[in-house]
């Protein structure tokens, strides 16, 4: 019984040690090999699914957005949360309303239109 306890303790410690040494991974920039290596419970198939989702929908705004990827469970996210990082989460584009309000200011000419019309040549 004592040997069994020692054996189980060793297995648990090795498992916990491997979790503690996972490197931080940026889910918005990492390639499939890095995602598969650094995220416990994610292999190449799920890593490729993460990249496909990211390419189709833009960068993840937060770590919990990984749930939107087929095959990524809340358990995987919770297990790896401390090592998951984000960058490039800003997908802001100039708003149309500010562009329109700029065009409505006196003296502002849109770049796509000539400042003065050119007469047609005969």
PDB file of N, CA and C in Angstrom:
ATOM      1  N   UNK A   1       0.822  -1.192   0.000  1.00  0.00           N
ATOM      2  CA  UNK A   1       0.000   0.000   0.000  1.00  0.00           C
ATOM      3  C   UNK A   1       0.866   1.257   0.000  1.00  0.00           C
ATOM      4  N   UNK A   2       1.942   1.211   0.773  1.00  0.00           N
ATOM      5  CA  UNK A   2       2.828   2.356   0.849  1.00  0.00           C
ATOM      6  C   UNK A   2       3.467   2.624  -0.520  1.00  0.00           C
ATOM      7  N   UNK A   3       3.852   1.559  -1.233  1.00  0.00           N
ATOM      8  CA  UNK A   3       4.446   1.714  -2.563  1.00  0.00           C
ATOM      9  C   UNK A   3       3.435   2.317  -3.540  1.00  0.00           C
ATOM     10  N   UNK A   4       2.194   1.906  -3.432  1.00  0.00           N
ATOM     11  CA  UNK A   4       1.146   2.437  -4.297  1.00  0.00           C
ATOM     12  C   UNK A   4       0.965   3.934  -4.043  1.00  0.00           C
ATOM     13  N   UNK A   5       0.979   4.333  -2.787  1.00  0.00           N
ATOM     14  CA  UNK A   5       0.844   5.745  -2.440  1.00  0.00           C
ATOM     15  C   UNK A   5       2.009   6.559  -3.004  1.00  0.00           C
ATOM     16  N   UNK A   6       3.211   6.040  -2.857  1.00  0.00           N
ATOM     17  CA  UNK A   6       4.397   6.733  -3.375  1.00  0.00           C
ATOM     18  C   UNK A   6       4.318   6.838  -4.895  1.00  0.00           C
ATOM     19  N   UNK A   7       3.907   5.760  -5.527  1.00  0.00           N
ATOM     20  CA  UNK A   7       3.803   5.737  -6.982  1.00  0.00           C
ATOM     21  C   UNK A   7       2.764   6.760  -7.466  1.00  0.00           C
ATOM     22  N   UNK A   8       1.588   6.768  -6.835  1.00  0.00           N
ATOM     23  CA  UNK A   8       0.544   7.727  -7.209  1.00  0.00           C
ATOM     24  C   UNK A   8       0.980   9.167  -6.937  1.00  0.00           C
ATOM     25  N   UNK A   9       1.649   9.391  -5.836  1.00  0.00           N
ATOM     26  CA  UNK A   9       2.143  10.734  -5.515  1.00  0.00           C
ATOM     27  C   UNK A   9       3.134  11.213  -6.573  1.00  0.00           C
ATOM     28  N   UNK A  10       3.994  10.307  -7.009  1.00  0.00           N
ATOM     29  CA  UNK A  10       4.978  10.647  -8.038  1.00  0.00           C
ATOM     30  C   UNK A  10       4.283  11.013  -9.338  1.00  0.00           C
ATOM     31  N   UNK A  11       3.291  10.231  -9.726  1.00  0.00           N
ATOM     32  CA  UNK A  11       2.541  10.495 -10.960  1.00  0.00           C
ATOM     33  C   UNK A  11       1.859  11.864 -10.876  1.00  0.00           C
ATOM     34  N   UNK A  12       1.237  12.159  -9.771  1.00  0.00           N
ATOM     35  CA  UNK A  12       0.539  13.436  -9.588  1.00  0.00           C
ATOM     36  C   UNK A  12       1.529  14.594  -9.636  1.00  0.00           C
ATOM     37  N   UNK A  13       2.671  14.464  -8.976  1.00  0.00           N
ATOM     38  CA  UNK A  13       3.665  15.538  -8.964  1.00  0.00           C
ATOM     39  C   UNK A  13       4.221  15.796 -10.367  1.00  0.00           C
ATOM     40  N   UNK A  14       4.466  14.737 -11.109  1.00  0.00           N
ATOM     41  CA  UNK A  14       4.961  14.897 -12.480  1.00  0.00           C
ATOM     42  C   UNK A  14       3.902  15.605 -13.317  1.00  0.00           C
ATOM     43  N   UNK A  15       2.645  15.232 -13.161  1.00  0.00           N
ATOM     44  CA  UNK A  15       1.556  15.878 -13.899  1.00  0.00           C
ATOM     45  C   UNK A  15       1.435  17.350 -13.555  1.00  0.00           C
ATOM     46  N   UNK A  16       1.505  17.688 -12.287  1.00  0.00           N
ATOM     47  CA  UNK A  16       1.398  19.083 -11.861  1.00  0.00           C
ATOM     48  C   UNK A  16       2.608  19.887 -12.314  1.00  0.00           C
ATOM     49  N   UNK A  17       3.772  19.267 -12.306  1.00  0.00           N
ATOM     50  CA  UNK A  17       4.982  19.956 -12.753  1.00  0.00           C
ATOM     51  C   UNK A  17       4.876  20.315 -14.224  1.00  0.00           C
ATOM     52  N   UNK A  18       4.336  19.413 -15.025  1.00  0.00           N
ATOM     53  CA  UNK A  18       4.219  19.710 -16.454  1.00  0.00           C
ATOM     54  C   UNK A  18       3.234  20.854 -16.688  1.00  0.00           C
ATOM     55  N   UNK A  19       2.218  20.967 -15.857  1.00  0.00           N
ATOM     56  CA  UNK A  19       1.286  22.088 -15.988  1.00  0.00           C
ATOM     57  C   UNK A  19       1.948  23.403 -15.601  1.00  0.00           C
ATOM     58  N   UNK A  20       2.791  23.351 -14.600  1.00  0.00           N
ATOM     59  CA  UNK A  20       3.416  24.563 -14.107  1.00  0.00           C
ATOM     60  C   UNK A  20       4.429  25.127 -15.091  1.00  0.00           C
ATOM     61  N   UNK A  21       4.992  24.313 -15.949  1.00  0.00           N
ATOM     62  CA  UNK A  21       6.026  24.766 -16.859  1.00  0.00           C
ATOM     63  C   UNK A  21       5.528  25.063 -18.265  1.00  0.00           C
ATOM     64  N   UNK A  22       4.234  25.121 -18.453  1.00  0.00           N
ATOM     65  CA  UNK A  22       3.707  25.503 -19.760  1.00  0.00           C
ATOM     66  C   UNK A  22       4.034  26.972 -19.990  1.00  0.00           C
ATOM     67  N   UNK A  23       4.509  27.255 -21.174  1.00  0.00           N
ATOM     68  CA  UNK A  23       4.890  28.635 -21.491  1.00  0.00           C
ATOM     69  C   UNK A  23       3.653  29.444 -21.856  1.00  0.00           C
ATOM     70  N   UNK A  24       3.677  30.736 -21.568  1.00  0.00           N
ATOM     71  CA  UNK A  24       2.563  31.585 -22.004  1.00  0.00           C
ATOM     72  C   UNK A  24       2.441  31.540 -23.525  1.00  0.00           C
ATOM     73  N   UNK A  25       1.218  31.540 -24.003  1.00  0.00           N
ATOM     74  CA  UNK A  25       0.982  31.494 -25.444  1.00  0.00           C
ATOM     75  C   UNK A  25      -0.046  32.554 -25.817  1.00  0.00           C
ATOM     76  N   UNK A  26       0.285  33.336 -26.834  1.00  0.00           N
ATOM     77  CA  UNK A  26      -0.616  34.383 -27.315  1.00  0.00           C
ATOM     78  C   UNK A  26      -1.562  33.741 -28.326  1.00  0.00           C
ATOM     79  N   UNK A  27      -2.820  33.629 -27.951  1.00  0.00           N
ATOM     80  CA  UNK A  27      -3.778  32.931 -28.813  1.00  0.00           C
ATOM     81  C   UNK A  27      -4.122  33.720 -30.070  1.00  0.00           C
ATOM     82  N   UNK A  28      -3.719  34.982 -30.133  1.00  0.00           N
ATOM     83  CA  UNK A  28      -3.982  35.786 -31.325  1.00  0.00           C
ATOM     84  C   UNK A  28      -2.842  35.768 -32.337  1.00  0.00           C
ATOM     85  N   UNK A  29      -1.670  35.274 -31.942  1.00  0.00           N
ATOM     86  CA  UNK A  29      -0.536  35.292 -32.863  1.00  0.00           C
ATOM     87  C   UNK A  29       0.168  33.954 -33.020  1.00  0.00           C
ATOM     88  N   UNK A  30      -0.046  33.029 -32.102  1.00  0.00           N
ATOM     89  CA  UNK A  30       0.683  31.754 -32.132  1.00  0.00           C
ATOM     90  C   UNK A  30       0.284  30.903 -33.329  1.00  0.00           C
ATOM     91  N   UNK A  31       1.259  30.148 -33.842  1.00  0.00           N
ATOM     92  CA  UNK A  31       0.971  29.216 -34.928  1.00  0.00           C
ATOM     93  C   UNK A  31       0.422  27.913 -34.349  1.00  0.00           C
ATOM     94  N   UNK A  32       0.002  27.007 -35.216  1.00  0.00           N
ATOM     95  CA  UNK A  32      -0.657  25.775 -34.784  1.00  0.00           C
ATOM     96  C   UNK A  32       0.271  24.914 -33.926  1.00  0.00           C
ATOM     97  N   UNK A  33       1.525  24.809 -34.307  1.00  0.00           N
ATOM     98  CA  UNK A  33       2.461  23.974 -33.548  1.00  0.00           C
ATOM     99  C   UNK A  33       2.632  24.503 -32.126  1.00  0.00           C
ATOM    100  N   UNK A  34       2.723  25.818 -31.982  1.00  0.00           N
ATOM    101  CA  UNK A  34       2.879  26.423 -30.654  1.00  0.00           C
ATOM    102  C   UNK A  34       1.622  26.234 -29.824  1.00  0.00           C
ATOM    103  N   UNK A  35       0.460  26.457 -30.430  1.00  0.00           N
ATOM    104  CA  UNK A  35      -0.797  26.249 -29.701  1.00  0.00           C
ATOM    105  C   UNK A  35      -0.907  24.811 -29.216  1.00  0.00           C
ATOM    106  N   UNK A  36      -0.590  23.857 -30.082  1.00  0.00           N
ATOM    107  CA  UNK A  36      -0.691  22.439 -29.720  1.00  0.00           C
ATOM    108  C   UNK A  36       0.298  22.075 -28.622  1.00  0.00           C
ATOM    109  N   UNK A  37       1.474  22.661 -28.670  1.00  0.00           N
ATOM    110  CA  UNK A  37       2.511  22.344 -27.679  1.00  0.00           C
ATOM    111  C   UNK A  37       2.212  22.956 -26.313  1.00  0.00           C
ATOM    112  N   UNK A  38       1.723  24.186 -26.305  1.00  0.00           N
ATOM    113  CA  UNK A  38       1.608  24.934 -25.049  1.00  0.00           C
ATOM    114  C   UNK A  38       0.238  24.878 -24.383  1.00  0.00           C
ATOM    115  N   UNK A  39      -0.798  24.504 -25.106  1.00  0.00           N
ATOM    116  CA  UNK A  39      -2.132  24.448 -24.501  1.00  0.00           C
ATOM    117  C   UNK A  39      -2.477  22.991 -24.229  1.00  0.00           C
ATOM    118  N   UNK A  40      -2.561  22.647 -22.954  1.00  0.00           N
ATOM    119  CA  UNK A  40      -2.882  21.282 -22.555  1.00  0.00           C
ATOM    120  C   UNK A  40      -4.296  20.929 -23.000  1.00  0.00           C
ATOM    121  N   UNK A  41      -4.424  19.771 -23.653  1.00  0.00           N
ATOM    122  CA  UNK A  41      -5.726  19.327 -24.140  1.00  0.00           C
ATOM    123  C   UNK A  41      -5.985  19.745 -25.581  1.00  0.00           C
ATOM    124  N   UNK A  42      -5.005  20.424 -26.191  1.00  0.00           N
ATOM    125  CA  UNK A  42      -5.139  20.870 -27.579  1.00  0.00           C
ATOM    126  C   UNK A  42      -4.042  20.215 -28.410  1.00  0.00           C
ATOM    127  N   UNK A  43      -4.471  19.478 -29.423  1.00  0.00           N
ATOM    128  CA  UNK A  43      -3.541  18.894 -30.375  1.00  0.00           C
ATOM    129  C   UNK A  43      -3.544  19.722 -31.644  1.00  0.00           C
ATOM    130  N   UNK A  44      -2.914  19.196 -32.685  1.00  0.00           N
ATOM    131  CA  UNK A  44      -2.826  19.944 -33.939  1.00  0.00           C
ATOM    132  C   UNK A  44      -4.187  20.207 -34.567  1.00  0.00           C
ATOM    133  N   UNK A  45      -5.109  19.255 -34.451  1.00  0.00           N
ATOM    134  CA  UNK A  45      -6.429  19.441 -35.054  1.00  0.00           C
ATOM    135  C   UNK A  45      -7.159  20.631 -34.415  1.00  0.00           C
ATOM    136  N   UNK A  46      -7.175  20.683 -33.080  1.00  0.00           N
ATOM    137  CA  UNK A  46      -7.836  21.798 -32.390  1.00  0.00           C
ATOM    138  C   UNK A  46      -7.058  23.100 -32.589  1.00  0.00           C
ATOM    139  N   UNK A  47      -5.729  23.008 -32.651  1.00  0.00           N
ATOM    140  CA  UNK A  47      -4.913  24.199 -32.878  1.00  0.00           C
ATOM    141  C   UNK A  47      -5.237  24.804 -34.247  1.00  0.00           C
ATOM    142  N   UNK A  48      -5.381  23.948 -35.249  1.00  0.00           N
ATOM    143  CA  UNK A  48      -5.752  24.438 -36.582  1.00  0.00           C
ATOM    144  C   UNK A  48      -7.151  25.033 -36.582  1.00  0.00           C
ATOM    145  N   UNK A  49      -8.047  24.480 -35.773  1.00  0.00           N
ATOM    146  CA  UNK A  49      -9.402  25.034 -35.652  1.00  0.00           C
ATOM    147  C   UNK A  49      -9.348  26.432 -35.017  1.00  0.00           C
ATOM    148  N   UNK A  50      -8.459  26.624 -34.052  1.00  0.00           N
ATOM    149  CA  UNK A  50      -8.294  27.934 -33.417  1.00  0.00           C
ATOM    150  C   UNK A  50      -7.817  28.950 -34.459  1.00  0.00           C
ATOM    151  N   UNK A  51      -6.843  28.555 -35.252  1.00  0.00           N
ATOM    152  CA  UNK A  51      -6.313  29.463 -36.272  1.00  0.00           C
ATOM    153  C   UNK A  51      -7.360  29.776 -37.334  1.00  0.00           C
ATOM    154  N   UNK A  52      -8.113  28.764 -37.757  1.00  0.00           N
ATOM    155  CA  UNK A  52      -9.169  28.991 -38.753  1.00  0.00           C
ATOM    156  C   UNK A  52     -10.207  29.966 -38.220  1.00  0.00           C
ATOM    157  N   UNK A  53     -10.618  29.771 -36.968  1.00  0.00           N
ATOM    158  CA  UNK A  53     -11.592  30.671 -36.355  1.00  0.00           C
ATOM    159  C   UNK A  53     -11.037  32.093 -36.320  1.00  0.00           C
ATOM    160  N   UNK A  54      -9.776  32.219 -35.916  1.00  0.00           N
ATOM    161  CA  UNK A  54      -9.128  33.524 -35.798  1.00  0.00           C
ATOM    162  C   UNK A  54      -9.033  34.220 -37.158  1.00  0.00           C
ATOM    163  N   UNK A  55      -8.737  33.458 -38.202  1.00  0.00           N
ATOM    164  CA  UNK A  55      -8.635  34.036 -39.548  1.00  0.00           C
ATOM    165  C   UNK A  55     -10.002  34.492 -40.073  1.00  0.00           C
ATOM    166  N   UNK A  56     -11.046  33.754 -39.732  1.00  0.00           N
ATOM    167  CA  UNK A  56     -12.383  34.088 -40.215  1.00  0.00           C
ATOM    168  C   UNK A  56     -13.053  35.188 -39.408  1.00  0.00           C
ATOM    169  N   UNK A  57     -12.737  35.275 -38.112  1.00  0.00           N
ATOM    170  CA  UNK A  57     -13.459  36.188 -37.220  1.00  0.00           C
ATOM    171  C   UNK A  57     -12.606  37.289 -36.605  1.00  0.00           C
ATOM    172  N   UNK A  58     -11.335  37.301 -36.899  1.00  0.00           N
ATOM    173  CA  UNK A  58     -10.453  38.297 -36.307  1.00  0.00           C
ATOM    174  C   UNK A  58      -9.914  37.827 -34.968  1.00  0.00           C
ATOM    175  N   UNK A  59      -9.110  38.649 -34.330  1.00  0.00           N
ATOM    176  CA  UNK A  59      -8.475  38.249 -33.074  1.00  0.00           C
ATOM    177  C   UNK A  59      -9.493  38.037 -31.952  1.00  0.00           C
ATOM    178  N   UNK A  60      -9.108  37.195 -31.019  1.00  0.00           N
ATOM    179  CA  UNK A  60      -9.952  36.935 -29.853  1.00  0.00           C
ATOM    180  C   UNK A  60      -9.925  38.168 -28.959  1.00  0.00           C
ATOM    181  N   UNK A  61     -11.089  38.586 -28.493  1.00  0.00           N
ATOM    182  CA  UNK A  61     -11.178  39.744 -27.602  1.00  0.00           C
ATOM    183  C   UNK A  61     -10.826  39.365 -26.170  1.00  0.00           C
ATOM    184  N   UNK A  62     -11.104  38.126 -25.796  1.00  0.00           N
ATOM    185  CA  UNK A  62     -10.744  37.631 -24.465  1.00  0.00           C
ATOM    186  C   UNK A  62     -10.549  36.122 -24.534  1.00  0.00           C
ATOM    187  N   UNK A  63      -9.952  35.574 -23.510  1.00  0.00           N
ATOM    188  CA  UNK A  63      -9.616  34.149 -23.486  1.00  0.00           C
ATOM    189  C   UNK A  63     -10.871  33.285 -23.600  1.00  0.00           C
ATOM    190  N   UNK A  64     -11.961  33.708 -22.985  1.00  0.00           N
ATOM    191  CA  UNK A  64     -13.186  32.910 -23.019  1.00  0.00           C
ATOM    192  C   UNK A  64     -13.793  32.801 -24.413  1.00  0.00           C
ATOM    193  N   UNK A  65     -13.374  33.644 -25.343  1.00  0.00           N
ATOM    194  CA  UNK A  65     -13.841  33.524 -26.728  1.00  0.00           C
ATOM    195  C   UNK A  65     -13.378  32.223 -27.378  1.00  0.00           C
ATOM    196  N   UNK A  66     -12.397  31.577 -26.788  1.00  0.00           N
ATOM    197  CA  UNK A  66     -11.949  30.280 -27.321  1.00  0.00           C
ATOM    198  C   UNK A  66     -13.079  29.255 -27.324  1.00  0.00           C
ATOM    199  N   UNK A  67     -14.089  29.454 -26.448  1.00  0.00           N
ATOM    200  CA  UNK A  67     -15.236  28.534 -26.410  1.00  0.00           C
ATOM    201  C   UNK A  67     -15.973  28.497 -27.736  1.00  0.00           C
ATOM    202  N   UNK A  68     -15.832  29.542 -28.526  1.00  0.00           N
ATOM    203  CA  UNK A  68     -16.519  29.612 -29.807  1.00  0.00           C
ATOM    204  C   UNK A  68     -15.892  28.694 -30.852  1.00  0.00           C
ATOM    205  N   UNK A  69     -14.699  28.179 -30.547  1.00  0.00           N
ATOM    206  CA  UNK A  69     -13.999  27.275 -31.465  1.00  0.00           C
ATOM    207  C   UNK A  69     -14.468  25.848 -31.195  1.00  0.00           C
ATOM    208  N   UNK A  70     -14.867  25.169 -32.255  1.00  0.00           N
ATOM    209  CA  UNK A  70     -15.343  23.797 -32.119  1.00  0.00           C
ATOM    210  C   UNK A  70     -14.229  22.931 -31.509  1.00  0.00           C
ATOM    211  N   UNK A  71     -14.583  22.218 -30.438  1.00  0.00           N
ATOM    212  CA  UNK A  71     -13.632  21.323 -29.786  1.00  0.00           C
ATOM    213  C   UNK A  71     -12.928  21.915 -28.589  1.00  0.00           C
ATOM    214  N   UNK A  72     -13.085  23.200 -28.360  1.00  0.00           N
ATOM    215  CA  UNK A  72     -12.442  23.840 -27.202  1.00  0.00           C
ATOM    216  C   UNK A  72     -13.489  24.000 -26.104  1.00  0.00           C
ATOM    217  N   UNK A  73     -13.273  23.287 -25.025  1.00  0.00           N
ATOM    218  CA  UNK A  73     -14.234  23.294 -23.922  1.00  0.00           C
ATOM    219  C   UNK A  73     -13.832  24.304 -22.851  1.00  0.00           C
ATOM    220  N   UNK A  74     -14.769  24.583 -21.973  1.00  0.00           N
ATOM    221  CA  UNK A  74     -14.488  25.470 -20.842  1.00  0.00           C
ATOM    222  C   UNK A  74     -13.400  24.859 -19.965  1.00  0.00           C
ATOM    223  N   UNK A  75     -13.369  23.538 -19.865  1.00  0.00           N
ATOM    224  CA  UNK A  75     -12.349  22.862 -19.052  1.00  0.00           C
ATOM    225  C   UNK A  75     -10.953  23.144 -19.608  1.00  0.00           C
ATOM    226  N   UNK A  76     -10.798  23.090 -20.931  1.00  0.00           N
ATOM    227  CA  UNK A  76      -9.496  23.384 -21.542  1.00  0.00           C
ATOM    228  C   UNK A  76      -9.097  24.826 -21.239  1.00  0.00           C
ATOM    229  N   UNK A  77     -10.048  25.728 -21.360  1.00  0.00           N
ATOM    230  CA  UNK A  77      -9.754  27.145 -21.086  1.00  0.00           C
ATOM    231  C   UNK A  77      -9.350  27.336 -19.628  1.00  0.00           C
ATOM    232  N   UNK A  78     -10.123  26.762 -18.713  1.00  0.00           N
ATOM    233  CA  UNK A  78      -9.834  26.926 -17.285  1.00  0.00           C
ATOM    234  C   UNK A  78      -8.489  26.306 -16.908  1.00  0.00           C
ATOM    235  N   UNK A  79      -8.166  25.160 -17.482  1.00  0.00           N
ATOM    236  CA  UNK A  79      -6.900  24.487 -17.189  1.00  0.00           C
ATOM    237  C   UNK A  79      -5.713  25.331 -17.629  1.00  0.00           C
ATOM    238  N   UNK A  80      -5.855  26.041 -18.730  1.00  0.00           N
ATOM    239  CA  UNK A  80      -4.743  26.788 -19.321  1.00  0.00           C
ATOM    240  C   UNK A  80      -4.803  28.294 -19.122  1.00  0.00           C
ATOM    241  N   UNK A  81      -5.823  28.786 -18.453  1.00  0.00           N
ATOM    242  CA  UNK A  81      -6.075  30.225 -18.352  1.00  0.00           C
ATOM    243  C   UNK A  81      -4.835  31.042 -17.949  1.00  0.00           C
ATOM    244  N   UNK A  82      -4.066  30.558 -17.005  1.00  0.00           N
ATOM    245  CA  UNK A  82      -2.908  31.314 -16.517  1.00  0.00           C
ATOM    246  C   UNK A  82      -1.841  31.498 -17.598  1.00  0.00           C
ATOM    247  N   UNK A  83      -1.831  30.645 -18.613  1.00  0.00           N
ATOM    248  CA  UNK A  83      -0.805  30.713 -19.654  1.00  0.00           C
ATOM    249  C   UNK A  83      -1.320  31.272 -20.973  1.00  0.00           C
ATOM    250  N   UNK A  84      -2.590  31.625 -21.035  1.00  0.00           N
ATOM    251  CA  UNK A  84      -3.152  32.157 -22.272  1.00  0.00           C
ATOM    252  C   UNK A  84      -3.085  33.676 -22.249  1.00  0.00           C
ATOM    253  N   UNK A  85      -2.487  34.246 -23.272  1.00  0.00           N
ATOM    254  CA  UNK A  85      -2.365  35.698 -23.356  1.00  0.00           C
ATOM    255  C   UNK A  85      -3.007  36.189 -24.643  1.00  0.00           C
ATOM    256  N   UNK A  86      -3.220  37.496 -24.704  1.00  0.00           N
ATOM    257  CA  UNK A  86      -3.850  38.130 -25.866  1.00  0.00           C
ATOM    258  C   UNK A  86      -3.030  39.318 -26.326  1.00  0.00           C
ATOM    259  N   UNK A  87      -2.990  39.507 -27.623  1.00  0.00           N
ATOM    260  CA  UNK A  87      -2.451  40.732 -28.192  1.00  0.00           C
ATOM    261  C   UNK A  87      -3.276  41.054 -29.424  1.00  0.00           C
ATOM    262  N   UNK A  88      -3.120  42.233 -29.934  1.00  0.00           N
ATOM    263  CA  UNK A  88      -3.832  42.640 -31.147  1.00  0.00           C
ATOM    264  C   UNK A  88      -5.335  42.433 -31.026  1.00  0.00           C
ATOM    265  N   UNK A  89      -5.901  42.747 -29.871  1.00  0.00           N
ATOM    266  CA  UNK A  89      -7.339  42.551 -29.701  1.00  0.00           C
ATOM    267  C   UNK A  89      -8.141  43.704 -30.268  1.00  0.00           C
ATOM    268  N   UNK A  90      -7.476  44.776 -30.666  1.00  0.00           N
ATOM    269  CA  UNK A  90      -8.192  45.917 -31.221  1.00  0.00           C
ATOM    270  C   UNK A  90      -8.467  45.687 -32.693  1.00  0.00           C
ATOM    271  N   UNK A  91      -9.743  45.591 -33.013  1.00  0.00           N
ATOM    272  CA  UNK A  91     -10.122  45.441 -34.413  1.00  0.00           C
ATOM    273  C   UNK A  91     -10.873  46.683 -34.866  1.00  0.00           C
ATOM    274  N   UNK A  92     -10.613  47.783 -34.158  1.00  0.00           N
ATOM    275  CA  UNK A  92     -11.375  48.995 -34.462  1.00  0.00           C
ATOM    276  C   UNK A  92     -11.032  49.508 -35.849  1.00  0.00           C
ATOM    277  N   UNK A  93     -12.059  49.884 -36.535  1.00  0.00           N
ATOM    278  CA  UNK A  93     -11.924  50.487 -37.844  1.00  0.00           C
ATOM    279  C   UNK A  93     -12.490  51.894 -37.725  1.00  0.00           C
ATOM    280  N   UNK A  94     -12.045  52.813 -38.548  1.00  0.00           N
ATOM    281  CA  UNK A  94     -12.624  54.162 -38.468  1.00  0.00           C
ATOM    282  C   UNK A  94     -14.130  54.082 -38.660  1.00  0.00           C
ATOM    283  N   UNK A  95     -14.843  54.744 -37.801  1.00  0.00           N
ATOM    284  CA  UNK A  95     -16.294  54.684 -37.928  1.00  0.00           C
ATOM    285  C   UNK A  95     -16.751  55.523 -39.103  1.00  0.00           C
ATOM    286  N   UNK A  96     -17.804  55.076 -39.729  1.00  0.00           N
ATOM    287  CA  UNK A  96     -18.346  55.776 -40.889  1.00  0.00           C
ATOM    288  C   UNK A  96     -18.851  57.146 -40.477  1.00  0.00           C
ATOM    289  N   UNK A  97     -19.425  57.229 -39.279  1.00  0.00           N
ATOM    290  CA  UNK A  97     -19.997  58.503 -38.864  1.00  0.00           C
ATOM    291  C   UNK A  97     -18.932  59.584 -38.742  1.00  0.00           C
ATOM    292  N   UNK A  98     -17.727  59.241 -38.233  1.00  0.00           N
ATOM    293  CA  UNK A  98     -16.688  60.265 -38.121  1.00  0.00           C
ATOM    294  C   UNK A  98     -16.179  60.652 -39.495  1.00  0.00           C
ATOM    295  N   UNK A  99     -16.124  59.703 -40.424  1.00  0.00           N
ATOM    296  CA  UNK A  99     -15.691  60.029 -41.783  1.00  0.00           C
ATOM    297  C   UNK A  99     -16.702  60.949 -42.444  1.00  0.00           C
ATOM    298  N   UNK A 100     -17.981  60.678 -42.246  1.00  0.00           N
ATOM    299  CA  UNK A 100     -19.025  61.512 -42.842  1.00  0.00           C
ATOM    300  C   UNK A 100     -18.993  62.893 -42.227  1.00  0.00           C
ATOM    301  N   UNK A 101     -18.825  62.991 -40.908  1.00  0.00           N
ATOM    302  CA  UNK A 101     -18.813  64.309 -40.280  1.00  0.00           C
ATOM    303  C   UNK A 101     -17.613  65.116 -40.738  1.00  0.00           C
ATOM    304  N   UNK A 102     -16.485  64.451 -41.002  1.00  0.00           N
ATOM    305  CA  UNK A 102     -15.314  65.155 -41.520  1.00  0.00           C
ATOM    306  C   UNK A 102     -15.601  65.712 -42.905  1.00  0.00           C
ATOM    307  N   UNK A 103     -16.292  64.934 -43.729  1.00  0.00           N
ATOM    308  CA  UNK A 103     -16.602  65.377 -45.087  1.00  0.00           C
ATOM    309  C   UNK A 103     -17.582  66.542 -45.101  1.00  0.00           C
ATOM    310  N   UNK A 104     -18.373  66.649 -44.077  1.00  0.00           N
ATOM    311  CA  UNK A 104     -19.366  67.728 -44.035  1.00  0.00           C
ATOM    312  C   UNK A 104     -18.793  69.051 -43.548  1.00  0.00           C
ATOM    313  N   UNK A 105     -17.519  69.077 -43.171  1.00  0.00           N
ATOM    314  CA  UNK A 105     -16.903  70.316 -42.712  1.00  0.00           C
ATOM    315  C   UNK A 105     -16.566  71.180 -43.928  1.00  0.00           C
ATOM    316  N   UNK A 106     -16.748  72.489 -43.800  1.00  0.00           N
ATOM    317  CA  UNK A 106     -16.418  73.381 -44.921  1.00  0.00           C
ATOM    318  C   UNK A 106     -14.932  73.296 -45.263  1.00  0.00           C
ATOM    319  N   UNK A 107     -14.639  73.275 -46.543  1.00  0.00           N
ATOM    320  CA  UNK A 107     -13.255  73.267 -47.001  1.00  0.00           C
ATOM    321  C   UNK A 107     -12.624  71.888 -47.070  1.00  0.00           C
ATOM    322  N   UNK A 108     -13.361  70.832 -46.686  1.00  0.00           N
ATOM    323  CA  UNK A 108     -12.825  69.476 -46.745  1.00  0.00           C
ATOM    324  C   UNK A 108     -13.316  68.829 -48.018  1.00  0.00           C
ATOM    325  N   UNK A 109     -12.378  68.366 -48.827  1.00  0.00           N
ATOM    326  CA  UNK A 109     -12.715  67.697 -50.077  1.00  0.00           C
ATOM    327  C   UNK A 109     -12.329  66.236 -49.959  1.00  0.00           C
ATOM    328  N   UNK A 110     -13.229  65.330 -50.287  1.00  0.00           N
ATOM    329  CA  UNK A 110     -12.869  63.912 -50.208  1.00  0.00           C
ATOM    330  C   UNK A 110     -11.710  63.597 -51.141  1.00  0.00           C
ATOM    331  N   UNK A 111     -10.844  62.689 -50.727  1.00  0.00           N
ATOM    332  CA  UNK A 111      -9.659  62.346 -51.504  1.00  0.00           C
ATOM    333  C   UNK A 111     -10.015  61.658 -52.811  1.00  0.00           C
ATOM    334  N   UNK A 112     -11.170  61.033 -52.896  1.00  0.00           N
ATOM    335  CA  UNK A 112     -11.522  60.299 -54.103  1.00  0.00           C
ATOM    336  C   UNK A 112     -12.140  61.185 -55.164  1.00  0.00           C
ATOM    337  N   UNK A 113     -12.423  62.435 -54.823  1.00  0.00           N
ATOM    338  CA  UNK A 113     -13.019  63.354 -55.781  1.00  0.00           C
ATOM    339  C   UNK A 113     -12.021  64.454 -56.100  1.00  0.00           C
ATOM    340  N   UNK A 114     -11.917  64.866 -57.366  1.00  0.00           N
ATOM    341  CA  UNK A 114     -11.028  65.981 -57.685  1.00  0.00           C
ATOM    342  C   UNK A 114     -11.552  67.260 -57.031  1.00  0.00           C
ATOM    343  N   UNK A 115     -10.644  68.154 -56.707  1.00  0.00           N
ATOM    344  CA  UNK A 115     -11.012  69.409 -56.057  1.00  0.00           C
ATOM    345  C   UNK A 115     -11.887  70.263 -56.974  1.00  0.00           C
ATOM    346  N   UNK A 116     -11.541  70.300 -58.234  1.00  0.00           N
ATOM    347  CA  UNK A 116     -12.355  71.047 -59.203  1.00  0.00           C
ATOM    348  C   UNK A 116     -12.634  70.145 -60.386  1.00  0.00           C
ATOM    349  N   UNK A 117     -13.825  70.190 -60.915  1.00  0.00           N
ATOM    350  CA  UNK A 117     -14.125  69.325 -62.051  1.00  0.00           C
ATOM    351  C   UNK A 117     -13.298  69.732 -63.269  1.00  0.00           C
ATOM    352  N   UNK A 118     -12.834  68.755 -63.985  1.00  0.00           N
ATOM    353  CA  UNK A 118     -12.091  69.043 -65.218  1.00  0.00           C
ATOM    354  C   UNK A 118     -13.055  68.932 -66.389  1.00  0.00           C
ATOM    355  N   UNK A 119     -13.014  69.903 -67.268  1.00  0.00           N
ATOM    356  CA  UNK A 119     -13.928  69.861 -68.405  1.00  0.00           C
ATOM    357  C   UNK A 119     -13.580  68.710 -69.357  1.00  0.00           C
ATOM    358  N   UNK A 120     -14.600  68.170 -69.955  1.00  0.00           N
ATOM    359  CA  UNK A 120     -14.391  67.080 -70.921  1.00  0.00           C
ATOM    360  C   UNK A 120     -13.781  67.641 -72.178  1.00  0.00           C
ATOM    361  N   UNK A 121     -12.843  66.928 -72.758  1.00  0.00           N
ATOM    362  CA  UNK A 121     -12.212  67.364 -74.013  1.00  0.00           C
ATOM    363  C   UNK A 121     -13.077  66.933 -75.183  1.00  0.00           C
ATOM    364  N   UNK A 122     -13.178  67.813 -76.201  1.00  0.00           N
ATOM    365  CA  UNK A 122     -14.028  67.471 -77.352  1.00  0.00           C
ATOM    366  C   UNK A 122     -13.469  66.393 -78.231  1.00  0.00           C
TER     367      UNK A 122
END
